[in-house]
């Protein structure tokens, strides 16, 4: 028999074993210390917590309602540790992984003209969005097929709303290093746009 705790992480409520809660709490505190000097520390931590919530939710089912220590260790292994960011571990933890589980197609809200379909496809295939737009325009000229394709993709493709989805759209693994870099880039873009 184990004691369970109710927590809310990333906007999702979980029942978690006491030992798993302690492990997760230690992990989050070490991340907070790691990002304490960053201007965008709160945003980075919020996005990391959202990703943790997504990963833990995927491990819960009708038959398994409580988060265990194994689940928390798997999440930590997936996201990486603060030591990974500092380069204190061996290997290349942040190299690009071409695994299909990381690469998903979304509509890109950051570089859109209408709905972000072309910019999302460009990010997915590592092409300039303008090249995709030109191809779509060429397909539109003969009989309007490009418009039909665009509308269908607009309906079918979800918009990349979270930082994790934006990272997946580019084909990068969703770990704390990439989340930190993505949030910092967004933060710098907002600062730059506010100065203009």
Foldseek 3Di string as FASTA:
>chain_A
DFDWDWDAFLNDIATETPVLVVVVVVQLVQLCVLCVPPPCSVVLSSLLRNVLVVQQVVVDDPVRRYHYNVSSVVSCVQQDGSCVVVVVDDDDPFDFDQDLVLADFAQEPVDDDPQRNLVLVCLRVVHDSVVSVVVLVVVCPPPHVSVVVVVVSSVPHHHQDGQSSVRSSNRTRNHSNSSVVSSSVVVVVVVVVVVD
